[in-house]
Protein backbone atom coordinates (compact mmCIF):
# COMPACT_ATOMS: atom_id res chain seq x y z
CA MET A 1 0.00 0.00 0.00
CA ASP A 2 1.39 3.39 -0.97
CA ALA A 3 2.11 5.88 1.78
CA ALA A 4 -0.08 8.95 2.05
CA PRO A 5 1.34 12.43 1.35
CA GLY A 6 3.70 13.59 4.05
CA GLY A 7 4.75 10.06 4.98
CA GLU A 8 1.59 9.26 6.93
CA ARG A 9 0.18 5.79 6.90
CA PRO A 10 -2.58 5.50 4.31
CA LEU A 11 -6.18 5.70 5.47
CA VAL A 12 -8.77 3.00 4.80
CA ILE A 13 -12.49 3.21 5.51
CA VAL A 14 -14.10 -0.13 6.31
CA LYS A 15 -17.86 -0.59 6.45
CA LEU A 16 -19.03 -3.69 8.32
CA GLY A 17 -22.37 -4.61 6.78
CA GLY A 18 -25.30 -5.39 9.01
CA SER A 19 -25.74 -8.60 7.01
CA VAL A 20 -22.41 -9.96 8.22
CA ILE A 21 -22.29 -8.82 11.86
CA THR A 22 -25.95 -9.55 12.62
CA ARG A 23 -28.53 -12.10 11.58
CA LYS A 24 -30.42 -9.62 9.47
CA ARG A 25 -33.60 -11.67 9.16
CA GLU A 26 -33.87 -11.90 12.95
CA VAL A 27 -34.46 -9.05 15.38
CA GLU A 28 -31.38 -7.94 17.34
CA ARG A 29 -29.27 -11.07 16.95
CA LEU A 30 -25.53 -10.69 16.60
CA ARG A 31 -23.13 -13.00 14.82
CA PRO A 32 -20.75 -12.81 17.79
CA LYS A 33 -17.98 -15.02 16.42
CA VAL A 34 -17.91 -13.21 13.09
CA LEU A 35 -17.93 -9.79 14.75
CA ALA A 36 -15.11 -10.80 17.12
CA ARG A 37 -12.95 -12.10 14.26
CA LEU A 38 -13.49 -9.01 12.12
CA ALA A 39 -12.58 -6.84 15.10
CA ARG A 40 -9.35 -8.81 15.51
CA GLU A 41 -8.55 -8.40 11.82
CA ILE A 42 -9.01 -4.63 12.09
CA ALA A 43 -6.95 -4.38 15.29
CA ALA A 44 -4.10 -6.43 13.77
CA VAL A 45 -3.46 -3.95 10.94
CA ARG A 46 -0.67 -1.48 11.67
CA GLU A 47 0.13 -0.52 8.08
CA ALA A 48 -2.90 1.78 7.73
CA ARG A 49 -5.08 4.13 9.72
CA VAL A 50 -8.66 2.88 9.80
CA VAL A 51 -12.12 4.42 10.04
CA VAL A 52 -14.84 1.89 10.87
CA LEU A 53 -18.47 2.27 9.87
CA HIS A 54 -21.15 -0.34 10.44
CA GLY A 55 -24.67 -1.00 9.31
CA ALA A 56 -27.70 -1.70 11.48
CA GLY A 57 -28.81 -5.10 10.20
CA GLY A 58 -31.39 -6.77 12.40
CA PHE A 59 -30.99 -4.01 14.99
CA GLY A 60 -32.28 -1.15 12.84
CA HIS A 61 -33.82 -2.13 9.53
CA PRO A 62 -37.01 -3.79 10.85
CA GLY A 63 -37.85 -0.80 13.04
CA ALA A 64 -36.99 1.73 10.35
CA LYS A 65 -39.32 -0.08 7.96
CA ARG A 66 -42.08 -0.39 10.56
CA PHE A 67 -42.03 3.32 11.36
CA GLY A 68 -41.54 4.47 7.76
CA LEU A 69 -38.33 6.37 8.45
CA ALA A 70 -36.96 5.79 4.93
CA ARG A 71 -39.93 7.44 3.25
CA PRO A 72 -41.66 10.80 3.57
CA PRO A 73 -44.46 11.19 6.10
CA ASP A 74 -47.90 11.08 4.49
CA THR A 75 -50.86 13.30 5.26
CA ARG A 76 -52.04 10.93 7.98
CA SER A 77 -48.67 10.81 9.72
CA ASN A 78 -48.41 12.00 13.29
CA PRO A 79 -45.10 13.84 13.88
CA VAL A 80 -45.05 12.63 17.48
CA GLU A 81 -45.39 9.00 16.37
CA ARG A 82 -42.57 9.45 13.82
CA ALA A 83 -40.37 10.98 16.53
CA ARG A 84 -41.21 8.05 18.80
CA GLY A 85 -40.23 5.62 16.05
CA ALA A 86 -36.98 7.49 15.45
CA ALA A 87 -36.14 7.27 19.15
CA ILE A 88 -36.84 3.53 19.25
CA VAL A 89 -34.72 2.79 16.17
CA ALA A 90 -31.88 5.00 17.42
CA SER A 91 -31.79 3.08 20.70
CA GLU A 92 -31.78 -0.26 18.85
CA VAL A 93 -28.86 0.74 16.63
CA ARG A 94 -26.87 1.97 19.63
CA ARG A 95 -27.10 -1.44 21.24
CA LEU A 96 -25.35 -2.86 18.20
CA HIS A 97 -22.85 0.02 18.18
CA LEU A 98 -21.88 -0.73 21.78
CA ALA A 99 -21.27 -4.38 20.85
CA VAL A 100 -18.98 -3.29 17.98
CA LEU A 101 -17.04 -0.95 20.26
CA ARG A 102 -16.63 -3.66 22.90
CA GLU A 103 -15.28 -6.19 20.40
CA LEU A 104 -12.80 -3.67 19.01
CA VAL A 105 -11.58 -2.88 22.53
CA HIS A 106 -11.27 -6.60 23.34
CA ALA A 107 -9.28 -7.08 20.14
CA GLY A 108 -6.77 -4.40 21.16
CA ALA A 109 -7.97 -1.52 18.97
CA THR A 110 -8.59 2.06 20.18
CA PRO A 111 -12.15 2.84 18.99
CA ALA A 112 -13.73 6.26 19.41
CA SER A 113 -17.48 6.49 18.96
CA VAL A 114 -18.60 9.11 16.42
CA PRO A 115 -22.43 9.13 16.27
CA VAL A 116 -23.45 11.04 13.14
CA ALA A 117 -26.85 12.12 14.44
CA THR A 118 -25.11 14.98 16.26
CA HIS A 119 -23.27 16.33 13.20
CA ALA A 120 -25.24 15.35 10.10
CA ARG A 121 -28.58 16.40 8.61
CA ASN A 122 -30.79 15.04 5.87
CA ARG A 123 -33.29 16.78 3.66
CA ASP A 124 -36.07 14.75 2.04
CA GLY A 125 -34.27 11.57 3.04
CA GLN A 126 -30.98 12.56 1.41
CA LEU A 127 -27.78 13.72 3.09
CA ALA A 128 -27.68 17.52 3.17
CA ALA A 129 -24.67 18.17 5.42
CA ILE A 130 -22.11 16.27 7.49
CA ASP A 131 -19.24 17.56 9.60
CA ALA A 132 -16.21 15.28 9.28
CA THR A 133 -14.26 17.12 11.99
CA PRO A 134 -14.95 14.51 14.72
CA PHE A 135 -13.48 11.81 12.45
CA GLU A 136 -10.39 13.92 11.74
CA ASP A 137 -9.92 14.78 15.42
CA ALA A 138 -10.16 11.11 16.46
CA LEU A 139 -7.59 10.09 13.82
CA ASP A 140 -5.23 12.88 14.88
CA ARG A 141 -5.37 11.61 18.47
CA GLY A 142 -4.55 8.04 17.47
CA PHE A 143 -8.05 6.61 17.72
CA VAL A 144 -10.06 4.48 15.31
CA PRO A 145 -13.24 6.49 14.61
CA VAL A 146 -16.30 4.24 14.65
CA SER A 147 -19.66 5.41 13.28
CA PHE A 148 -22.82 3.78 12.03
CA GLY A 149 -25.97 4.15 9.97
CA ASP A 150 -28.41 6.10 12.10
CA VAL A 151 -31.59 8.13 12.37
CA VAL A 152 -30.67 11.79 11.83
CA PRO A 153 -32.55 15.11 11.79
CA ASP A 154 -34.30 15.75 8.49
CA ASP A 155 -35.18 19.34 7.55
CA ALA A 156 -38.29 18.21 5.64
CA TRP A 157 -39.36 14.94 7.25
CA GLY A 158 -38.38 15.51 10.88
CA SER A 159 -36.19 12.40 11.01
CA SER A 160 -34.89 9.95 8.42
CA ILE A 161 -32.28 7.26 7.83
CA LEU A 162 -28.65 8.05 6.99
CA SER A 163 -26.96 4.85 5.87
CA ALA A 164 -23.36 3.95 6.63
CA ASP A 165 -22.78 3.59 2.87
CA THR A 166 -23.78 7.23 2.38
CA ILE A 167 -21.50 8.26 5.24
CA ALA A 168 -18.62 6.48 3.51
CA VAL A 169 -19.26 8.34 0.25
CA ALA A 170 -19.43 11.67 2.08
CA LEU A 171 -16.17 11.11 3.98
CA VAL A 172 -14.05 10.26 0.93
CA PRO A 173 -13.52 13.83 -0.40
CA VAL A 174 -12.57 15.03 3.09
CA LEU A 175 -10.50 12.18 4.54
CA ARG A 176 -8.98 11.07 1.20
CA PRO A 177 -8.72 7.33 1.92
CA SER A 178 -6.77 5.08 -0.40
CA ARG A 179 -9.64 2.59 -0.43
CA VAL A 180 -13.04 1.88 1.04
CA VAL A 181 -13.82 -1.74 1.89
CA PHE A 182 -17.43 -2.89 2.22
CA VAL A 183 -17.68 -6.15 4.16
CA SER A 184 -20.73 -8.31 3.54
CA ASP A 185 -22.07 -11.84 3.83
CA VAL A 186 -21.59 -12.29 0.08
CA PRO A 187 -18.25 -12.28 -1.80
CA GLY A 188 -19.21 -9.35 -4.04
CA VAL A 189 -21.88 -8.22 -6.47
CA LEU A 190 -23.21 -11.52 -7.73
CA GLN A 191 -23.66 -12.25 -11.42
CA PRO A 192 -27.01 -13.68 -12.55
CA ARG A 193 -27.30 -17.22 -11.23
CA THR A 194 -26.31 -20.03 -13.56
CA ARG A 195 -25.24 -23.60 -12.94
CA GLY A 196 -22.21 -24.08 -10.78
CA ARG A 197 -20.57 -21.88 -8.20
CA PRO A 198 -21.90 -18.31 -7.86
CA ARG A 199 -19.63 -15.74 -9.50
CA VAL A 200 -19.18 -12.04 -8.87
CA PHE A 201 -18.58 -9.06 -11.10
CA GLU A 202 -14.91 -8.41 -10.27
CA GLU A 203 -14.82 -5.00 -12.01
CA LEU A 204 -17.87 -2.80 -11.47
CA THR A 205 -19.06 -0.48 -14.21
CA ALA A 206 -22.04 1.84 -14.56
CA GLU A 207 -23.60 -0.59 -17.03
CA ILE A 208 -23.40 -3.47 -14.55
CA VAL A 209 -24.88 -1.36 -11.77
CA ASP A 210 -27.74 -0.15 -13.98
CA GLY A 211 -28.71 -3.78 -14.58
CA LEU A 212 -28.88 -4.77 -10.92
CA ARG A 213 -32.22 -5.61 -9.38
CA PRO A 214 -33.26 -5.50 -5.72
CA ALA A 215 -32.72 -8.81 -3.96
CA PRO A 216 -35.65 -10.43 -2.12
CA GLY A 217 -35.37 -11.35 1.54
CA ALA A 218 -34.57 -9.37 4.64
CA PRO A 219 -35.87 -5.81 5.03
CA ASP A 220 -33.39 -3.23 3.76
CA VAL A 221 -34.32 0.45 3.99
CA THR A 222 -31.01 1.65 2.54
CA GLY A 223 -31.38 0.49 -1.05
CA GLY A 224 -29.75 -2.96 -1.06
CA ILE A 225 -26.99 -4.07 -3.40
CA ARG A 226 -27.74 -1.56 -6.17
CA ALA A 227 -27.41 1.38 -3.77
CA LYS A 228 -24.16 -0.07 -2.43
CA ALA A 229 -22.72 -0.56 -5.92
CA THR A 230 -23.75 2.98 -6.86
CA ALA A 231 -21.94 4.25 -3.77
CA MET A 232 -18.84 2.33 -4.81
CA LEU A 233 -18.82 4.01 -8.22
CA ALA A 234 -19.18 7.42 -6.54
CA ILE A 235 -16.22 6.63 -4.28
CA ALA A 236 -14.12 5.61 -7.29
CA ARG A 237 -14.96 8.89 -9.03
CA ASP A 238 -13.71 10.71 -5.93
CA GLY A 239 -10.33 9.00 -6.16
CA ALA A 240 -10.45 5.92 -3.91
CA ASP A 241 -10.74 2.24 -4.74
CA ALA A 242 -13.95 0.69 -3.41
CA GLY A 243 -14.39 -3.03 -2.88
CA LEU A 244 -17.15 -5.35 -1.71
CA ILE A 245 -15.75 -8.49 -0.09
CA SER A 246 -16.92 -11.35 2.11
CA GLY A 247 -16.54 -11.03 5.85
CA LEU A 248 -17.05 -14.79 6.18
CA THR A 249 -13.62 -15.56 4.72
CA ASP A 250 -10.91 -15.59 7.38
CA GLY A 251 -8.22 -12.97 6.76
CA ALA A 252 -9.87 -11.29 3.77
CA LEU A 253 -10.54 -8.04 5.64
CA SER A 254 -7.05 -7.70 7.10
CA ARG A 255 -5.53 -8.31 3.66
CA ALA A 256 -7.81 -5.70 2.12
CA LEU A 257 -6.88 -3.19 4.83
CA ARG A 258 -3.21 -3.76 4.03
CA GLY A 259 -3.86 -2.92 0.39
CA GLU A 260 -3.68 -6.44 -1.00
CA ARG A 261 -5.84 -7.67 -3.85
CA VAL A 262 -8.79 -9.55 -2.37
CA TYR A 263 -11.47 -11.47 -4.24
CA GLY A 264 -14.63 -9.44 -4.57
CA SER A 265 -16.20 -6.70 -6.64
CA TRP A 266 -14.12 -3.54 -7.11
CA ALA A 267 -14.60 -0.07 -8.53
CA HIS A 268 -11.11 1.27 -9.14
CA ALA A 269 -10.25 4.93 -8.90
CA ARG A 270 -8.43 4.82 -12.23
CA ALA A 271 -11.58 3.55 -13.91
CA GLY A 272 -13.79 6.07 -12.13
CA GLY A 273 -17.04 4.41 -13.20
């Protein structure tokens, strides 16, 4: 991995997907062994500075869907009920966040919690502003900033969902990471199913992303695989490699954090999408 300007260690943003650290189809159930191993892989890397983001999985998506926090309030909506739903989902996600922090501490890392609800705002369900200063301050003090997809203030809707994928995209122009690694329960963006072993698109392009369809299954209020792949192309356009890899393969994350080539789907900065 190339050194950053000024001789600093390069920076990598890693997003731990809710699908890999929780049992997404079940309410508030961790995958404790997977989470512990991924935390150890992050803590073991000394060649790079790391920012950790994580999704909500079974701790946030069901509640966000139930309370309609990913869509605009309709004429029958009660603002108090929406606020109540936002409070419930925020508390659920923070239970998962605490588990992530604990595992990173146990693994020997130095995590610093950076909840985005205090320094980000949406408008009509889309990110309107985010202050990256808390991430920069934590890195400067030798910490690993850890943030997560959350319920944030929304200037039009009252409250809405800000996904960890969107946070990653927003941080790239400010923090200038060398790569962003999305860790999932799948080995990449899967090609249409045929006979034999499932295969992934190893090089993402706009044409591939345009052809993706939502996958059935667990509730996902953040757009699923197409939204993630779109985010990866945006990251590549901003100058960082973006990869989607499996968190179920031992050692894959630590290798990716060290800048090694890891099997998965990648949008390369030189290609830009």
